PDB file of N, CA and C in Angstrom:
ATOM      1  N   GLN A   1     161.123 125.668 102.285  1.00  0.00           N
ATOM      2  CA  GLN A   1     161.326 124.701 101.209  1.00  0.00           C
ATOM      3  C   GLN A   1     160.459 123.483 101.439  1.00  0.00           C
ATOM      4  N   ALA A   2     160.314 122.668 100.408  1.00  0.00           N
ATOM      5  CA  ALA A   2     159.468 121.492 100.498  1.00  0.00           C
ATOM      6  C   ALA A   2     160.164 120.364 101.252  1.00  0.00           C
ATOM      7  N   GLN A   3     159.359 119.548 101.899  1.00  0.00           N
ATOM      8  CA  GLN A   3     159.876 118.370 102.563  1.00  0.00           C
ATOM      9  C   GLN A   3     158.841 117.265 102.492  1.00  0.00           C
ATOM     10  N   LEU A   4     159.301 116.032 102.738  1.00  0.00           N
ATOM     11  CA  LEU A   4     158.423 114.868 102.732  1.00  0.00           C
ATOM     12  C   LEU A   4     158.267 114.344 104.142  1.00  0.00           C
ATOM     13  N   VAL A   5     157.031 113.944 104.489  1.00  0.00           N
ATOM     14  CA  VAL A   5     156.748 113.405 105.809  1.00  0.00           C
ATOM     15  C   VAL A   5     155.943 112.120 105.640  1.00  0.00           C
ATOM     16  N   GLU A   6     156.483 111.002 106.195  1.00  0.00           N
ATOM     17  CA  GLU A   6     155.795 109.723 106.131  1.00  0.00           C
ATOM     18  C   GLU A   6     154.994 109.494 107.408  1.00  0.00           C
ATOM     19  N   SER A   7     153.966 108.663 107.271  1.00  0.00           N
ATOM     20  CA  SER A   7     153.178 108.238 108.427  1.00  0.00           C
ATOM     21  C   SER A   7     152.523 106.903 108.103  1.00  0.00           C
ATOM     22  N   GLY A   8     151.961 106.279 109.131  1.00  0.00           N
ATOM     23  CA  GLY A   8     151.211 105.054 108.913  1.00  0.00           C
ATOM     24  C   GLY A   8     151.908 103.783 109.350  1.00  0.00           C
ATOM     25  N   GLY A   9     153.160 103.893 109.781  1.00  0.00           N
ATOM     26  CA  GLY A   9     153.859 102.702 110.234  1.00  0.00           C
ATOM     27  C   GLY A   9     153.311 102.206 111.563  1.00  0.00           C
ATOM     28  N   GLY A  10     153.787 101.032 111.967  1.00  0.00           N
ATOM     29  CA  GLY A  10     153.351 100.473 113.241  1.00  0.00           C
ATOM     30  C   GLY A  10     153.673  99.009 113.342  1.00  0.00           C
ATOM     31  N   LEU A  11     153.066  98.378 114.339  1.00  0.00           N
ATOM     32  CA  LEU A  11     153.250  96.951 114.582  1.00  0.00           C
ATOM     33  C   LEU A  11     152.053  96.200 114.022  1.00  0.00           C
ATOM     34  N   VAL A  12     152.322  95.160 113.245  1.00  0.00           N
ATOM     35  CA  VAL A  12     151.251  94.373 112.645  1.00  0.00           C
ATOM     36  C   VAL A  12     151.656  92.901 112.673  1.00  0.00           C
ATOM     37  N   GLN A  13     150.687  92.027 112.761  1.00  0.00           N
ATOM     38  CA  GLN A  13     150.967  90.600 112.755  1.00  0.00           C
ATOM     39  C   GLN A  13     151.202  90.111 111.336  1.00  0.00           C
ATOM     40  N   PRO A  14     151.941  89.020 111.197  1.00  0.00           N
ATOM     41  CA  PRO A  14     152.132  88.437 109.850  1.00  0.00           C
ATOM     42  C   PRO A  14     150.791  88.178 109.180  1.00  0.00           C
ATOM     43  N   GLY A  15     150.733  88.520 107.891  1.00  0.00           N
ATOM     44  CA  GLY A  15     149.495  88.390 107.145  1.00  0.00           C
ATOM     45  C   GLY A  15     148.630  89.625 107.170  1.00  0.00           C
ATOM     46  N   GLY A  16     148.985  90.577 108.014  1.00  0.00           N
ATOM     47  CA  GLY A  16     148.208  91.797 108.145  1.00  0.00           C
ATOM     48  C   GLY A  16     148.536  92.828 107.080  1.00  0.00           C
ATOM     49  N   SER A  17     147.919  94.001 107.224  1.00  0.00           N
ATOM     50  CA  SER A  17     148.073  95.069 106.244  1.00  0.00           C
ATOM     51  C   SER A  17     148.375  96.402 106.930  1.00  0.00           C
ATOM     52  N   LEU A  18     149.067  97.243 106.213  1.00  0.00           N
ATOM     53  CA  LEU A  18     149.293  98.620 106.624  1.00  0.00           C
ATOM     54  C   LEU A  18     149.275  99.496 105.388  1.00  0.00           C
ATOM     55  N   ARG A  19     148.909 100.758 105.592  1.00  0.00           N
ATOM     56  CA  ARG A  19     148.956 101.732 104.503  1.00  0.00           C
ATOM     57  C   ARG A  19     149.839 102.891 104.942  1.00  0.00           C
ATOM     58  N   LEU A  20     150.947 103.070 104.239  1.00  0.00           N
ATOM     59  CA  LEU A  20     151.850 104.184 104.513  1.00  0.00           C
ATOM     60  C   LEU A  20     151.455 105.384 103.657  1.00  0.00           C
ATOM     61  N   SER A  21     151.617 106.556 104.236  1.00  0.00           N
ATOM     62  CA  SER A  21     151.344 107.797 103.517  1.00  0.00           C
ATOM     63  C   SER A  21     152.589 108.669 103.506  1.00  0.00           C
ATOM     64  N   CYS A  22     152.714 109.464 102.472  1.00  0.00           N
ATOM     65  CA  CYS A  22     153.833 110.404 102.339  1.00  0.00           C
ATOM     66  C   CYS A  22     153.262 111.700 101.779  1.00  0.00           C
ATOM     67  N   VAL A  23     153.441 112.777 102.513  1.00  0.00           N
ATOM     68  CA  VAL A  23     152.930 114.067 102.066  1.00  0.00           C
ATOM     69  C   VAL A  23     154.076 115.036 101.858  1.00  0.00           C
ATOM     70  N   ALA A  24     153.999 115.765 100.770  1.00  0.00           N
ATOM     71  CA  ALA A  24     154.967 116.824 100.503  1.00  0.00           C
ATOM     72  C   ALA A  24     154.404 118.115 101.061  1.00  0.00           C
ATOM     73  N   SER A  25     155.113 118.713 102.009  1.00  0.00           N
ATOM     74  CA  SER A  25     154.638 119.942 102.625  1.00  0.00           C
ATOM     75  C   SER A  25     155.447 121.133 102.126  1.00  0.00           C
ATOM     76  N   GLY A  26     154.902 122.322 102.344  1.00  0.00           N
ATOM     77  CA  GLY A  26     155.534 123.537 101.848  1.00  0.00           C
ATOM     78  C   GLY A  26     154.853 123.970 100.569  1.00  0.00           C
ATOM     79  N   THR A  27     155.455 124.919  99.890  1.00  0.00           N
ATOM     80  CA  THR A  27     154.922 125.382  98.608  1.00  0.00           C
ATOM     81  C   THR A  27     155.358 124.411  97.527  1.00  0.00           C
ATOM     82  N   ILE A  28     154.374 123.764  96.901  1.00  0.00           N
ATOM     83  CA  ILE A  28     154.661 122.731  95.904  1.00  0.00           C
ATOM     84  C   ILE A  28     154.054 123.123  94.561  1.00  0.00           C
ATOM     85  N   TYR A  29     154.901 123.134  93.540  1.00  0.00           N
ATOM     86  CA  TYR A  29     154.394 123.359  92.193  1.00  0.00           C
ATOM     87  C   TYR A  29     154.226 122.030  91.450  1.00  0.00           C
ATOM     88  N   SER A  30     155.172 121.151  91.628  1.00  0.00           N
ATOM     89  CA  SER A  30     155.062 119.832  91.012  1.00  0.00           C
ATOM     90  C   SER A  30     156.053 118.888  91.662  1.00  0.00           C
ATOM     91  N   ILE A  31     155.772 117.608  91.524  1.00  0.00           N
ATOM     92  CA  ILE A  31     156.638 116.564  92.076  1.00  0.00           C
ATOM     93  C   ILE A  31     156.929 115.556  90.976  1.00  0.00           C
ATOM     94  N   GLY A  32     158.161 115.137  90.876  1.00  0.00           N
ATOM     95  CA  GLY A  32     158.537 114.157  89.871  1.00  0.00           C
ATOM     96  C   GLY A  32     158.205 112.749  90.314  1.00  0.00           C
ATOM     97  N   ASN A  33     158.948 111.775  89.775  1.00  0.00           N
ATOM     98  CA  ASN A  33     158.726 110.379  90.161  1.00  0.00           C
ATOM     99  C   ASN A  33     158.865 110.226  91.667  1.00  0.00           C
ATOM    100  N   MET A  34     158.044 109.351  92.241  1.00  0.00           N
ATOM    101  CA  MET A  34     158.108 109.113  93.679  1.00  0.00           C
ATOM    102  C   MET A  34     158.401 107.638  93.938  1.00  0.00           C
ATOM    103  N   ARG A  35     159.099 107.386  95.025  1.00  0.00           N
ATOM    104  CA  ARG A  35     159.539 106.016  95.328  1.00  0.00           C
ATOM    105  C   ARG A  35     159.409 105.747  96.815  1.00  0.00           C
ATOM    106  N   TRP A  36     159.298 104.480  97.145  1.00  0.00           N
ATOM    107  CA  TRP A  36     159.415 104.008  98.517  1.00  0.00           C
ATOM    108  C   TRP A  36     160.655 103.113  98.610  1.00  0.00           C
ATOM    109  N   TYR A  37     161.401 103.299  99.680  1.00  0.00           N
ATOM    110  CA  TYR A  37     162.549 102.466 100.005  1.00  0.00           C
ATOM    111  C   TYR A  37     162.337 101.922 101.419  1.00  0.00           C
ATOM    112  N   ARG A  38     163.131 100.937 101.768  1.00  0.00           N
ATOM    113  CA  ARG A  38     163.112 100.430 103.142  1.00  0.00           C
ATOM    114  C   ARG A  38     164.510 100.006 103.562  1.00  0.00           C
ATOM    115  N   GLN A  39     164.735 100.085 104.870  1.00  0.00           N
ATOM    116  CA  GLN A  39     166.025  99.694 105.425  1.00  0.00           C
ATOM    117  C   GLN A  39     165.806  98.893 106.694  1.00  0.00           C
ATOM    118  N   ALA A  40     166.189  97.630 106.639  1.00  0.00           N
ATOM    119  CA  ALA A  40     166.102  96.758 107.796  1.00  0.00           C
ATOM    120  C   ALA A  40     167.352  96.941 108.644  1.00  0.00           C
ATOM    121  N   PRO A  41     167.286  96.598 109.932  1.00  0.00           N
ATOM    122  CA  PRO A  41     168.451  96.766 110.811  1.00  0.00           C
ATOM    123  C   PRO A  41     169.680  96.045 110.272  1.00  0.00           C
ATOM    124  N   GLY A  42     170.789  96.774 110.179  1.00  0.00           N
ATOM    125  CA  GLY A  42     172.040  96.178 109.735  1.00  0.00           C
ATOM    126  C   GLY A  42     172.143  95.938 108.246  1.00  0.00           C
ATOM    127  N   LYS A  43     171.148  96.411 107.486  1.00  0.00           N
ATOM    128  CA  LYS A  43     171.158  96.180 106.039  1.00  0.00           C
ATOM    129  C   LYS A  43     171.135  97.498 105.285  1.00  0.00           C
ATOM    130  N   GLN A  44     171.411  97.448 104.005  1.00  0.00           N
ATOM    131  CA  GLN A  44     171.394  98.646 103.175  1.00  0.00           C
ATOM    132  C   GLN A  44     169.958  99.045 102.872  1.00  0.00           C
ATOM    133  N   ARG A  45     169.797 100.275 102.453  1.00  0.00           N
ATOM    134  CA  ARG A  45     168.483 100.770 102.059  1.00  0.00           C
ATOM    135  C   ARG A  45     168.157 100.225 100.667  1.00  0.00           C
ATOM    136  N   ASP A  46     166.996  99.583 100.545  1.00  0.00           N
ATOM    137  CA  ASP A  46     166.585  98.947  99.300  1.00  0.00           C
ATOM    138  C   ASP A  46     165.362  99.636  98.706  1.00  0.00           C
ATOM    139  N   TRP A  47     165.331  99.696  97.410  1.00  0.00           N
ATOM    140  CA  TRP A  47     164.167 100.216  96.691  1.00  0.00           C
ATOM    141  C   TRP A  47     163.006  99.224  96.804  1.00  0.00           C
ATOM    142  N   VAL A  48     161.791  99.741  96.989  1.00  0.00           N
ATOM    143  CA  VAL A  48     160.610  98.906  97.139  1.00  0.00           C
ATOM    144  C   VAL A  48     159.659  99.088  95.960  1.00  0.00           C
ATOM    145  N   ALA A  49     159.328 100.343  95.651  1.00  0.00           N
ATOM    146  CA  ALA A  49     158.350 100.604  94.601  1.00  0.00           C
ATOM    147  C   ALA A  49     158.509 102.033  94.112  1.00  0.00           C
ATOM    148  N   SER A  50     158.036 102.282  92.897  1.00  0.00           N
ATOM    149  CA  SER A  50     158.090 103.622  92.337  1.00  0.00           C
ATOM    150  C   SER A  50     156.852 103.891  91.494  1.00  0.00           C
ATOM    151  N   ILE A  51     156.532 105.172  91.368  1.00  0.00           N
ATOM    152  CA  ILE A  51     155.416 105.597  90.523  1.00  0.00           C
ATOM    153  C   ILE A  51     155.831 106.867  89.802  1.00  0.00           C
ATOM    154  N   SER A  52     155.654 106.872  88.495  1.00  0.00           N
ATOM    155  CA  SER A  52     156.083 108.003  87.693  1.00  0.00           C
ATOM    156  C   SER A  52     155.034 109.112  87.732  1.00  0.00           C
ATOM    157  N   THR A  53     155.387 110.236  87.128  1.00  0.00           N
ATOM    158  CA  THR A  53     154.435 111.336  87.047  1.00  0.00           C
ATOM    159  C   THR A  53     153.206 110.941  86.226  1.00  0.00           C
ATOM    160  N   GLY A  54     153.387 109.992  85.344  1.00  0.00           N
ATOM    161  CA  GLY A  54     152.271 109.523  84.524  1.00  0.00           C
ATOM    162  C   GLY A  54     151.504 108.367  85.125  1.00  0.00           C
ATOM    163  N   GLY A  55     151.956 107.903  86.295  1.00  0.00           N
ATOM    164  CA  GLY A  55     151.235 106.831  86.977  1.00  0.00           C
ATOM    165  C   GLY A  55     151.773 105.430  86.734  1.00  0.00           C
ATOM    166  N   THR A  56     152.864 105.309  85.999  1.00  0.00           N
ATOM    167  CA  THR A  56     153.455 103.986  85.785  1.00  0.00           C
ATOM    168  C   THR A  56     154.115 103.499  87.069  1.00  0.00           C
ATOM    169  N   THR A  57     153.836 102.258  87.439  1.00  0.00           N
ATOM    170  CA  THR A  57     154.351 101.706  88.684  1.00  0.00           C
ATOM    171  C   THR A  57     155.327 100.568  88.427  1.00  0.00           C
ATOM    172  N   ASN A  58     156.254 100.404  89.355  1.00  0.00           N
ATOM    173  CA  ASN A  58     157.204  99.303  89.324  1.00  0.00           C
ATOM    174  C   ASN A  58     157.458  98.843  90.750  1.00  0.00           C
ATOM    175  N   TYR A  59     157.760  97.550  90.895  1.00  0.00           N
ATOM    176  CA  TYR A  59     157.934  96.972  92.223  1.00  0.00           C
ATOM    177  C   TYR A  59     159.143  96.059  92.278  1.00  0.00           C
ATOM    178  N   ALA A  60     159.745  96.011  93.457  1.00  0.00           N
ATOM    179  CA  ALA A  60     160.771  95.012  93.706  1.00  0.00           C
ATOM    180  C   ALA A  60     160.108  93.634  93.704  1.00  0.00           C
ATOM    181  N   ASP A  61     160.846  92.631  93.279  1.00  0.00           N
ATOM    182  CA  ASP A  61     160.282  91.285  93.207  1.00  0.00           C
ATOM    183  C   ASP A  61     159.768  90.810  94.567  1.00  0.00           C
ATOM    184  N   SER A  62     160.416  91.240  95.621  1.00  0.00           N
ATOM    185  CA  SER A  62     160.064  90.768  96.961  1.00  0.00           C
ATOM    186  C   SER A  62     158.689  91.254  97.431  1.00  0.00           C
ATOM    187  N   VAL A  63     158.158  92.299  96.809  1.00  0.00           N
ATOM    188  CA  VAL A  63     156.872  92.844  97.241  1.00  0.00           C
ATOM    189  C   VAL A  63     155.811  92.788  96.155  1.00  0.00           C
ATOM    190  N   LYS A  64     156.191  92.359  94.972  1.00  0.00           N
ATOM    191  CA  LYS A  64     155.274  92.334  93.841  1.00  0.00           C
ATOM    192  C   LYS A  64     154.062  91.446  94.169  1.00  0.00           C
ATOM    193  N   GLY A  65     152.874  91.967  93.901  1.00  0.00           N
ATOM    194  CA  GLY A  65     151.648  91.225  94.193  1.00  0.00           C
ATOM    195  C   GLY A  65     151.119  91.445  95.597  1.00  0.00           C
ATOM    196  N   ARG A  66     151.930  92.044  96.468  1.00  0.00           N
ATOM    197  CA  ARG A  66     151.494  92.286  97.853  1.00  0.00           C
ATOM    198  C   ARG A  66     151.382  93.782  98.156  1.00  0.00           C
ATOM    199  N   PHE A  67     152.256  94.587  97.565  1.00  0.00           N
ATOM    200  CA  PHE A  67     152.277  96.027  97.821  1.00  0.00           C
ATOM    201  C   PHE A  67     151.741  96.776  96.604  1.00  0.00           C
ATOM    202  N   THR A  68     151.108  97.909  96.868  1.00  0.00           N
ATOM    203  CA  THR A  68     150.608  98.771  95.804  1.00  0.00           C
ATOM    204  C   THR A  68     150.973 100.215  96.099  1.00  0.00           C
ATOM    205  N   ILE A  69     151.661 100.843  95.149  1.00  0.00           N
ATOM    206  CA  ILE A  69     152.017 102.248  95.286  1.00  0.00           C
ATOM    207  C   ILE A  69     151.011 103.085  94.501  1.00  0.00           C
ATOM    208  N   SER A  70     150.652 104.223  95.050  1.00  0.00           N
ATOM    209  CA  SER A  70     149.728 105.131  94.375  1.00  0.00           C
ATOM    210  C   SER A  70     150.071 106.559  94.780  1.00  0.00           C
ATOM    211  N   ARG A  71     149.462 107.517  94.108  1.00  0.00           N
ATOM    212  CA  ARG A  71     149.704 108.901  94.467  1.00  0.00           C
ATOM    213  C   ARG A  71     148.461 109.731  94.186  1.00  0.00           C
ATOM    214  N   ASP A  72     148.318 110.797  94.951  1.00  0.00           N
ATOM    215  CA  ASP A  72     147.246 111.775  94.770  1.00  0.00           C
ATOM    216  C   ASP A  72     147.914 113.082  94.386  1.00  0.00           C
ATOM    217  N   TYR A  73     147.816 113.434  93.109  1.00  0.00           N
ATOM    218  CA  TYR A  73     148.531 114.597  92.603  1.00  0.00           C
ATOM    219  C   TYR A  73     147.996 115.887  93.225  1.00  0.00           C
ATOM    220  N   ALA A  74     146.702 115.953  93.434  1.00  0.00           N
ATOM    221  CA  ALA A  74     146.094 117.166  93.981  1.00  0.00           C
ATOM    222  C   ALA A  74     146.520 117.411  95.418  1.00  0.00           C
ATOM    223  N   LYS A  75     146.740 116.328  96.178  1.00  0.00           N
ATOM    224  CA  LYS A  75     147.118 116.453  97.587  1.00  0.00           C
ATOM    225  C   LYS A  75     148.614 116.344  97.800  1.00  0.00           C
ATOM    226  N   ASN A  76     149.380 116.177  96.728  1.00  0.00           N
ATOM    227  CA  ASN A  76     150.842 116.026  96.838  1.00  0.00           C
ATOM    228  C   ASN A  76     151.209 114.874  97.764  1.00  0.00           C
ATOM    229  N   MET A  77     150.533 113.766  97.568  1.00  0.00           N
ATOM    230  CA  MET A  77     150.756 112.618  98.443  1.00  0.00           C
ATOM    231  C   MET A  77     151.066 111.363  97.642  1.00  0.00           C
ATOM    232  N   ALA A  78     151.768 110.448  98.288  1.00  0.00           N
ATOM    233  CA  ALA A  78     152.008 109.111  97.777  1.00  0.00           C
ATOM    234  C   ALA A  78     151.651 108.120  98.877  1.00  0.00           C
ATOM    235  N   TYR A  79     151.266 106.923  98.461  1.00  0.00           N
ATOM    236  CA  TYR A  79     150.843 105.902  99.406  1.00  0.00           C
ATOM    237  C   TYR A  79     151.524 104.577  99.079  1.00  0.00           C
ATOM    238  N   LEU A  80     151.623 103.740 100.089  1.00  0.00           N
ATOM    239  CA  LEU A  80     152.085 102.374  99.880  1.00  0.00           C
ATOM    240  C   LEU A  80     151.151 101.460 100.670  1.00  0.00           C
ATOM    241  N   GLN A  81     150.282 100.755  99.954  1.00  0.00           N
ATOM    242  CA  GLN A  81     149.402  99.779 100.567  1.00  0.00           C
ATOM    243  C   GLN A  81     150.147  98.458 100.656  1.00  0.00           C
ATOM    244  N   MET A  82     150.292  97.942 101.865  1.00  0.00           N
ATOM    245  CA  MET A  82     151.060  96.729 102.082  1.00  0.00           C
ATOM    246  C   MET A  82     150.147  95.649 102.639  1.00  0.00           C
ATOM    247  N   ASN A  83     149.989  94.584 101.888  1.00  0.00           N
ATOM    248  CA  ASN A  83     149.151  93.459 102.288  1.00  0.00           C
ATOM    249  C   ASN A  83     149.995  92.202 102.468  1.00  0.00           C
ATOM    250  N   SER A  84     149.423  91.214 103.122  1.00  0.00           N
ATOM    251  CA  SER A  84     150.104  89.933 103.344  1.00  0.00           C
ATOM    252  C   SER A  84     151.514  90.149 103.886  1.00  0.00           C
ATOM    253  N   LEU A  85     151.619  90.977 104.885  1.00  0.00           N
ATOM    254  CA  LEU A  85     152.926  91.332 105.416  1.00  0.00           C
ATOM    255  C   LEU A  85     153.626  90.145 106.061  1.00  0.00           C
ATOM    256  N   LYS A  86     154.953  90.145 105.916  1.00  0.00           N
ATOM    257  CA  LYS A  86     155.799  89.082 106.438  1.00  0.00           C
ATOM    258  C   LYS A  86     156.805  89.687 107.408  1.00  0.00           C
ATOM    259  N   PRO A  87     157.361  88.872 108.294  1.00  0.00           N
ATOM    260  CA  PRO A  87     158.400  89.397 109.203  1.00  0.00           C
ATOM    261  C   PRO A  87     159.571  90.039 108.443  1.00  0.00           C
ATOM    262  N   ASP A  88     159.880  89.525 107.257  1.00  0.00           N
ATOM    263  CA  ASP A  88     160.980  90.081 106.452  1.00  0.00           C
ATOM    264  C   ASP A  88     160.674  91.489 105.944  1.00  0.00           C
ATOM    265  N   ASP A  89     159.431  91.928 106.051  1.00  0.00           N
ATOM    266  CA  ASP A  89     159.078  93.287 105.644  1.00  0.00           C
ATOM    267  C   ASP A  89     159.392  94.310 106.732  1.00  0.00           C
ATOM    268  N   THR A  90     159.799  93.840 107.894  1.00  0.00           N
ATOM    269  CA  THR A  90     160.147  94.738 108.986  1.00  0.00           C
ATOM    270  C   THR A  90     161.309  95.639 108.592  1.00  0.00           C
ATOM    271  N   ALA A  91     161.098  96.941 108.687  1.00  0.00           N
ATOM    272  CA  ALA A  91     162.120  97.904 108.272  1.00  0.00           C
ATOM    273  C   ALA A  91     161.604  99.318 108.540  1.00  0.00           C
ATOM    274  N   ILE A  92     162.493 100.272 108.380  1.00  0.00           N
ATOM    275  CA  ILE A  92     162.080 101.671 108.311  1.00  0.00           C
ATOM    276  C   ILE A  92     161.790 101.966 106.838  1.00  0.00           C
ATOM    277  N   TYR A  93     160.621 102.507 106.574  1.00  0.00           N
ATOM    278  CA  TYR A  93     160.215 102.800 105.204  1.00  0.00           C
ATOM    279  C   TYR A  93     160.359 104.305 104.931  1.00  0.00           C
ATOM    280  N   TYR A  94     161.006 104.606 103.820  1.00  0.00           N
ATOM    281  CA  TYR A  94     161.294 105.987 103.450  1.00  0.00           C
ATOM    282  C   TYR A  94     160.608 106.356 102.132  1.00  0.00           C
ATOM    283  N   CYS A  95     160.066 107.548 102.095  1.00  0.00           N
ATOM    284  CA  CYS A  95     159.508 108.115 100.877  1.00  0.00           C
ATOM    285  C   CYS A  95     160.577 108.970 100.203  1.00  0.00           C
ATOM    286  N   ASN A  96     160.607 108.925  98.889  1.00  0.00           N
ATOM    287  CA  ASN A  96     161.589 109.692  98.131  1.00  0.00           C
ATOM    288  C   ASN A  96     160.928 110.313  96.901  1.00  0.00           C
ATOM    289  N   ALA A  97     161.292 111.552  96.622  1.00  0.00           N
ATOM    290  CA  ALA A  97     160.837 112.225  95.403  1.00  0.00           C
ATOM    291  C   ALA A  97     162.052 112.568  94.554  1.00  0.00           C
ATOM    292  N   GLU A  98     161.989 112.229  93.295  1.00  0.00           N
ATOM    293  CA  GLU A  98     163.116 112.493  92.388  1.00  0.00           C
ATOM    294  C   GLU A  98     163.420 113.986  92.331  1.00  0.00           C
ATOM    295  N   GLU A  99     162.373 114.793  92.315  1.00  0.00           N
ATOM    296  CA  GLU A  99     162.537 116.239  92.378  1.00  0.00           C
ATOM    297  C   GLU A  99     161.215 116.866  92.808  1.00  0.00           C
ATOM    298  N   ILE A 100     161.323 117.985  93.498  1.00  0.00           N
ATOM    299  CA  ILE A 100     160.152 118.752  93.917  1.00  0.00           C
ATOM    300  C   ILE A 100     160.362 120.202  93.495  1.00  0.00           C
ATOM    301  N   HIS A 101     159.453 120.708  92.679  1.00  0.00           N
ATOM    302  CA  HIS A 101     159.508 122.108  92.274  1.00  0.00           C
ATOM    303  C   HIS A 101     158.725 122.927  93.297  1.00  0.00           C
ATOM    304  N   TYR A 102     159.418 123.837  93.999  1.00  0.00           N
ATOM    305  CA  TYR A 102     158.750 124.687  94.981  1.00  0.00           C
ATOM    306  C   TYR A 102     158.564 126.101  94.452  1.00  0.00           C
ATOM    307  N   LYS A 103     159.140 126.384  93.305  1.00  0.00           N
ATOM    308  CA  LYS A 103     158.908 127.593  92.531  1.00  0.00           C
ATOM    309  C   LYS A 103     158.926 127.177  91.067  1.00  0.00           C
ATOM    310  N   PRO A 104     158.379 128.015  90.171  1.00  0.00           N
ATOM    311  CA  PRO A 104     158.364 127.616  88.765  1.00  0.00           C
ATOM    312  C   PRO A 104     159.744 127.246  88.212  1.00  0.00           C
ATOM    313  N   ALA A 105     160.777 127.929  88.678  1.00  0.00           N
ATOM    314  CA  ALA A 105     162.129 127.654  88.154  1.00  0.00           C
ATOM    315  C   ALA A 105     163.096 127.266  89.254  1.00  0.00           C
ATOM    316  N   ALA A 106     162.588 126.684  90.308  1.00  0.00           N
ATOM    317  CA  ALA A 106     163.464 126.253  91.407  1.00  0.00           C
ATOM    318  C   ALA A 106     162.971 124.911  91.937  1.00  0.00           C
ATOM    319  N   TRP A 107     163.896 124.031  92.195  1.00  0.00           N
ATOM    320  CA  TRP A 107     163.490 122.695  92.648  1.00  0.00           C
ATOM    321  C   TRP A 107     164.571 122.083  93.519  1.00  0.00           C
ATOM    322  N   LEU A 108     164.154 121.052  94.250  1.00  0.00           N
ATOM    323  CA  LEU A 108     165.060 120.243  95.047  1.00  0.00           C
ATOM    324  C   LEU A 108     165.166 118.884  94.384  1.00  0.00           C
ATOM    325  N   ASN A 109     166.356 118.325  94.354  1.00  0.00           N
ATOM    326  CA  ASN A 109     166.570 116.985  93.810  1.00  0.00           C
ATOM    327  C   ASN A 109     166.689 115.968  94.929  1.00  0.00           C
ATOM    328  N   ASP A 110     166.180 114.779  94.688  1.00  0.00           N
ATOM    329  CA  ASP A 110     166.390 113.641  95.567  1.00  0.00           C
ATOM    330  C   ASP A 110     165.999 113.967  97.008  1.00  0.00           C
ATOM    331  N   VAL A 111     164.715 114.207  97.210  1.00  0.00           N
ATOM    332  CA  VAL A 111     164.197 114.586  98.516  1.00  0.00           C
ATOM    333  C   VAL A 111     163.740 113.342  99.281  1.00  0.00           C
ATOM    334  N   TRP A 112     164.126 113.259 100.552  1.00  0.00           N
ATOM    335  CA  TRP A 112     163.800 112.091 101.392  1.00  0.00           C
ATOM    336  C   TRP A 112     162.977 112.520 102.603  1.00  0.00           C
ATOM    337  N   GLY A 113     162.096 111.628 103.029  1.00  0.00           N
ATOM    338  CA  GLY A 113     161.416 111.817 104.289  1.00  0.00           C
ATOM    339  C   GLY A 113     162.246 111.258 105.425  1.00  0.00           C
ATOM    340  N   GLN A 114     161.716 111.355 106.642  1.00  0.00           N
ATOM    341  CA  GLN A 114     162.463 110.918 107.826  1.00  0.00           C
ATOM    342  C   GLN A 114     162.270 109.442 108.118  1.00  0.00           C
ATOM    343  N   GLY A 115     161.305 108.813 107.468  1.00  0.00           N
ATOM    344  CA  GLY A 115     161.077 107.381 107.636  1.00  0.00           C
ATOM    345  C   GLY A 115     159.989 107.068 108.643  1.00  0.00           C
ATOM    346  N   THR A 116     159.366 105.897 108.469  1.00  0.00           N
ATOM    347  CA  THR A 116     158.369 105.407 109.408  1.00  0.00           C
ATOM    348  C   THR A 116     158.625 103.917 109.638  1.00  0.00           C
ATOM    349  N   GLN A 117     158.570 103.512 110.897  1.00  0.00           N
ATOM    350  CA  GLN A 117     158.926 102.137 111.258  1.00  0.00           C
ATOM    351  C   GLN A 117     157.752 101.195 111.008  1.00  0.00           C
ATOM    352  N   VAL A 118     158.026 100.091 110.343  1.00  0.00           N
ATOM    353  CA  VAL A 118     157.056  99.006 110.168  1.00  0.00           C
ATOM    354  C   VAL A 118     157.648  97.751 110.798  1.00  0.00           C
ATOM    355  N   THR A 119     156.904  97.171 111.719  1.00  0.00           N
ATOM    356  CA  THR A 119     157.336  95.951 112.388  1.00  0.00           C
ATOM    357  C   THR A 119     156.268  94.887 112.202  1.00  0.00           C
ATOM    358  N   VAL A 120     156.683  93.747 111.645  1.00  0.00           N
ATOM    359  CA  VAL A 120     155.766  92.627 111.421  1.00  0.00           C
ATOM    360  C   VAL A 120     156.176  91.497 112.355  1.00  0.00           C
ATOM    361  N   SER A 121     155.336  91.235 113.337  1.00  0.00           N
ATOM    362  CA  SER A 121     155.691  90.260 114.356  1.00  0.00           C
ATOM    363  C   SER A 121     154.435  89.802 115.076  1.00  0.00           C
ATOM    364  N   LEU A 122     154.524  88.581 115.653  1.00  0.00           N
ATOM    365  CA  LEU A 122     153.411  88.068 116.451  1.00  0.00           C
ATOM    366  C   LEU A 122     153.323  88.807 117.775  1.00  0.00           C
TER     367      LEU A 122
END
């Protein structure tokens, strides 16, 4: 079955940049809307950004103007470009797909990756 795998996290200084990647592995026929979430220690998981199948993007107010979500349909990938990072951006970042079709008439709903750690600190 299909699964999502994130990469690209790490330690960065305030003001720096990181690019997160999310790849859907397995047999993929199509992927629905894709989203990035994050969860800081001791806090709930929050929505960060989303991109529809048609390419429409939306962002949480806290990241608007600093983060950019994109996707490569041919490679079954989504990205999150994060610029001007702040210590408050420190969290585990998760990729989510609304649905993944792994057969013409079979799909998984609400698929999550395992997360990638982003730490913003001096």
